[in-house]
Structures are given as C-alpha cells and as structure tokens.
C-alpha cells in the first residue's frame, strides 16, 4: 500500500470515528472513554490541533474541539454531559495521569 492510499484510509477511519461519536453515540461520556480507553474527544481534538499546528495551520483549542464535537464544546457539554460519580472521577484522574500527563 502506498503512502497516499494509507493516508486516505486513515482519514476515512478518523471521519468514521467522529461520526460514530457525534451521531451514533453522543451519549458515551468522555470520562468513560478516558477511563476505559485512555483517550476521549478532548484528546482527539488536541491531537487534531497539534497536527494542524505542526503543518503551520493555526488552530485554537476551541476550533479543534468544534471539529471533533460537531458543535461548540460548551453546547455539547450542555446537551450531553452528565455528572460523574466519585469513583469515575478518581479513575479519570489515574487514566489522565497515565495517558495524558499531570493535570495543569
């Protein structure tokens, strides 16, 4: 497989993942994604922003989040985010530290 085809397939898989998270499973909470998978929608948006910036394309955190969430982040939070219990929050702190790094 050549590099162009590989990149096209990777882009298609990324678009399918975003569609799945936005359209089919917006109910899946970020905290659950992080606790189980070690990443969440915010991670995807950060990776997207970092890739854009590495290519010299200026992109803010909010702009990247809007691409991943399909709407402004605050709107998504208001529509879909639920309060997590203490156990999930504690697990999140561990998962975040292990997969992202120390909290700022």
C-alpha atoms as a PDB file:
ATOM      1  CA  UNK A   1       0.000   0.000   0.000  1.00  0.00           C
ATOM      2  CA  UNK A   2       1.379   3.402  -0.912  1.00  0.00           C
ATOM      3  CA  UNK A   3       1.506   6.355   1.485  1.00  0.00           C
ATOM      4  CA  UNK A   4      -1.294   8.273  -0.227  1.00  0.00           C
ATOM      5  CA  UNK A   5      -3.710   5.356  -0.005  1.00  0.00           C
ATOM      6  CA  UNK A   6      -2.735   4.702   3.626  1.00  0.00           C
ATOM      7  CA  UNK A   7      -3.364   8.363   4.493  1.00  0.00           C
ATOM      8  CA  UNK A   8      -6.734   8.295   2.717  1.00  0.00           C
ATOM      9  CA  UNK A   9      -7.763   5.163   4.612  1.00  0.00           C
ATOM     10  CA  UNK A  10      -6.618   6.638   7.930  1.00  0.00           C
ATOM     11  CA  UNK A  11      -8.586   9.813   7.209  1.00  0.00           C
ATOM     12  CA  UNK A  12     -11.690   7.778   6.370  1.00  0.00           C
ATOM     13  CA  UNK A  13     -11.336   5.804   9.605  1.00  0.00           C
ATOM     14  CA  UNK A  14     -10.961   9.048  11.591  1.00  0.00           C
ATOM     15  CA  UNK A  15     -14.077  10.506   9.941  1.00  0.00           C
ATOM     16  CA  UNK A  16     -15.971   7.298  10.759  1.00  0.00           C
ATOM     17  CA  UNK A  17     -14.848   7.533  14.393  1.00  0.00           C
ATOM     18  CA  UNK A  18     -16.006  11.158  14.626  1.00  0.00           C
ATOM     19  CA  UNK A  19     -19.328  10.274  13.025  1.00  0.00           C
ATOM     20  CA  UNK A  20     -19.779   7.395  15.447  1.00  0.00           C
ATOM     21  CA  UNK A  21     -19.054   9.599  18.464  1.00  0.00           C
ATOM     22  CA  UNK A  22     -21.136  12.552  17.201  1.00  0.00           C
ATOM     23  CA  UNK A  23     -24.112  10.835  15.628  1.00  0.00           C
ATOM     24  CA  UNK A  24     -24.429   7.281  16.868  1.00  0.00           C
ATOM     25  CA  UNK A  25     -23.053   7.531  20.418  1.00  0.00           C
ATOM     26  CA  UNK A  26     -23.086  11.110  21.706  1.00  0.00           C
ATOM     27  CA  UNK A  27     -24.318   9.562  24.972  1.00  0.00           C
ATOM     28  CA  UNK A  28     -20.925   7.987  25.639  1.00  0.00           C
ATOM     29  CA  UNK A  29     -19.325  10.224  28.219  1.00  0.00           C
ATOM     30  CA  UNK A  30     -15.756  11.461  27.824  1.00  0.00           C
ATOM     31  CA  UNK A  31     -14.920  10.261  31.320  1.00  0.00           C
ATOM     32  CA  UNK A  32     -15.918   6.717  30.319  1.00  0.00           C
ATOM     33  CA  UNK A  33     -13.822   6.890  27.147  1.00  0.00           C
ATOM     34  CA  UNK A  34     -10.813   8.084  29.144  1.00  0.00           C
ATOM     35  CA  UNK A  35     -11.277   5.570  31.925  1.00  0.00           C
ATOM     36  CA  UNK A  36     -11.651   2.632  29.538  1.00  0.00           C
ATOM     37  CA  UNK A  37      -9.628   3.648  26.513  1.00  0.00           C
ATOM     38  CA  UNK A  38      -7.132   6.190  27.766  1.00  0.00           C
ATOM     39  CA  UNK A  39      -8.404   8.908  25.434  1.00  0.00           C
ATOM     40  CA  UNK A  40     -11.536  10.985  24.910  1.00  0.00           C
ATOM     41  CA  UNK A  41     -12.982  13.507  22.499  1.00  0.00           C
ATOM     42  CA  UNK A  42     -10.811  16.220  24.039  1.00  0.00           C
ATOM     43  CA  UNK A  43      -7.733  14.111  23.288  1.00  0.00           C
ATOM     44  CA  UNK A  44      -8.858  13.718  19.670  1.00  0.00           C
ATOM     45  CA  UNK A  45      -9.331  17.466  19.356  1.00  0.00           C
ATOM     46  CA  UNK A  46      -5.907  18.138  20.943  1.00  0.00           C
ATOM     47  CA  UNK A  47      -4.246  15.693  18.539  1.00  0.00           C
ATOM     48  CA  UNK A  48      -6.060  17.352  15.632  1.00  0.00           C
ATOM     49  CA  UNK A  49      -4.930  20.806  16.776  1.00  0.00           C
ATOM     50  CA  UNK A  50      -1.339  19.617  17.264  1.00  0.00           C
ATOM     51  CA  UNK A  51      -1.295  18.102  13.770  1.00  0.00           C
ATOM     52  CA  UNK A  52      -2.653  21.313  12.254  1.00  0.00           C
ATOM     53  CA  UNK A  53      -0.146  23.444  14.131  1.00  0.00           C
ATOM     54  CA  UNK A  54       2.706  21.121  13.076  1.00  0.00           C
ATOM     55  CA  UNK A  55       1.691  21.778   9.460  1.00  0.00           C
ATOM     56  CA  UNK A  56       1.760  25.542  10.093  1.00  0.00           C
ATOM     57  CA  UNK A  57      -2.024  25.797  10.205  1.00  0.00           C
ATOM     58  CA  UNK A  58      -3.084  27.982  13.113  1.00  0.00           C
ATOM     59  CA  UNK A  59      -5.896  26.367  15.081  1.00  0.00           C
ATOM     60  CA  UNK A  60      -7.172  27.089  18.547  1.00  0.00           C
ATOM     61  CA  UNK A  61      -8.293  24.540  21.104  1.00  0.00           C
ATOM     62  CA  UNK A  62     -11.890  25.701  20.632  1.00  0.00           C
ATOM     63  CA  UNK A  63     -11.685  25.398  16.840  1.00  0.00           C
ATOM     64  CA  UNK A  64     -10.334  21.857  17.096  1.00  0.00           C
ATOM     65  CA  UNK A  65     -12.987  20.897  19.631  1.00  0.00           C
ATOM     66  CA  UNK A  66     -15.737  22.177  17.348  1.00  0.00           C
ATOM     67  CA  UNK A  67     -14.434  19.902  14.582  1.00  0.00           C
ATOM     68  CA  UNK A  68     -14.435  16.860  16.865  1.00  0.00           C
ATOM     69  CA  UNK A  69     -17.683  17.621  18.700  1.00  0.00           C
ATOM     70  CA  UNK A  70     -19.551  18.911  15.646  1.00  0.00           C
ATOM     71  CA  UNK A  71     -20.614  21.978  17.642  1.00  0.00           C
ATOM     72  CA  UNK A  72     -19.129  24.385  20.157  1.00  0.00           C
ATOM     73  CA  UNK A  73     -17.802  22.468  23.174  1.00  0.00           C
ATOM     74  CA  UNK A  74     -19.992  24.328  25.687  1.00  0.00           C
ATOM     75  CA  UNK A  75     -23.071  23.428  23.652  1.00  0.00           C
ATOM     76  CA  UNK A  76     -22.090  19.746  23.589  1.00  0.00           C
ATOM     77  CA  UNK A  77     -21.491  19.751  27.345  1.00  0.00           C
ATOM     78  CA  UNK A  78     -24.892  21.346  27.985  1.00  0.00           C
ATOM     79  CA  UNK A  79     -26.659  18.841  25.709  1.00  0.00           C
ATOM     80  CA  UNK A  80     -24.957  15.572  26.593  1.00  0.00           C
ATOM     81  CA  UNK A  81     -22.580  15.621  29.534  1.00  0.00           C
ATOM     82  CA  UNK A  82     -23.746  14.153  32.825  1.00  0.00           C
ATOM     83  CA  UNK A  83     -22.245  14.409  36.292  1.00  0.00           C
ATOM     84  CA  UNK A  84     -19.785  11.655  37.112  1.00  0.00           C
ATOM     85  CA  UNK A  85     -19.704   9.924  40.470  1.00  0.00           C
ATOM     86  CA  UNK A  86     -16.676   9.973  42.773  1.00  0.00           C
ATOM     87  CA  UNK A  87     -15.406   6.570  41.601  1.00  0.00           C
ATOM     88  CA  UNK A  88     -15.416   7.631  37.939  1.00  0.00           C
ATOM     89  CA  UNK A  89     -13.674  10.908  38.830  1.00  0.00           C
ATOM     90  CA  UNK A  90     -10.971   9.055  40.760  1.00  0.00           C
ATOM     91  CA  UNK A  91     -10.476   6.597  37.878  1.00  0.00           C
ATOM     92  CA  UNK A  92     -10.296   9.547  35.485  1.00  0.00           C
ATOM     93  CA  UNK A  93      -7.503  11.173  37.488  1.00  0.00           C
ATOM     94  CA  UNK A  94      -5.480   7.952  37.197  1.00  0.00           C
ATOM     95  CA  UNK A  95      -6.263   7.461  33.490  1.00  0.00           C
ATOM     96  CA  UNK A  96      -5.464  11.102  32.706  1.00  0.00           C
ATOM     97  CA  UNK A  97      -2.126  10.946  34.519  1.00  0.00           C
ATOM     98  CA  UNK A  98      -1.192   7.685  32.794  1.00  0.00           C
ATOM     99  CA  UNK A  99      -2.270   8.704  29.279  1.00  0.00           C
ATOM    100  CA  UNK A 100      -2.031  12.473  29.070  1.00  0.00           C
ATOM    101  CA  UNK A 101       0.219  13.619  31.903  1.00  0.00           C
ATOM    102  CA  UNK A 102      -0.121  15.677  35.040  1.00  0.00           C
ATOM    103  CA  UNK A 103      -3.152  17.936  35.160  1.00  0.00           C
ATOM    104  CA  UNK A 104      -2.264  21.575  34.522  1.00  0.00           C
END
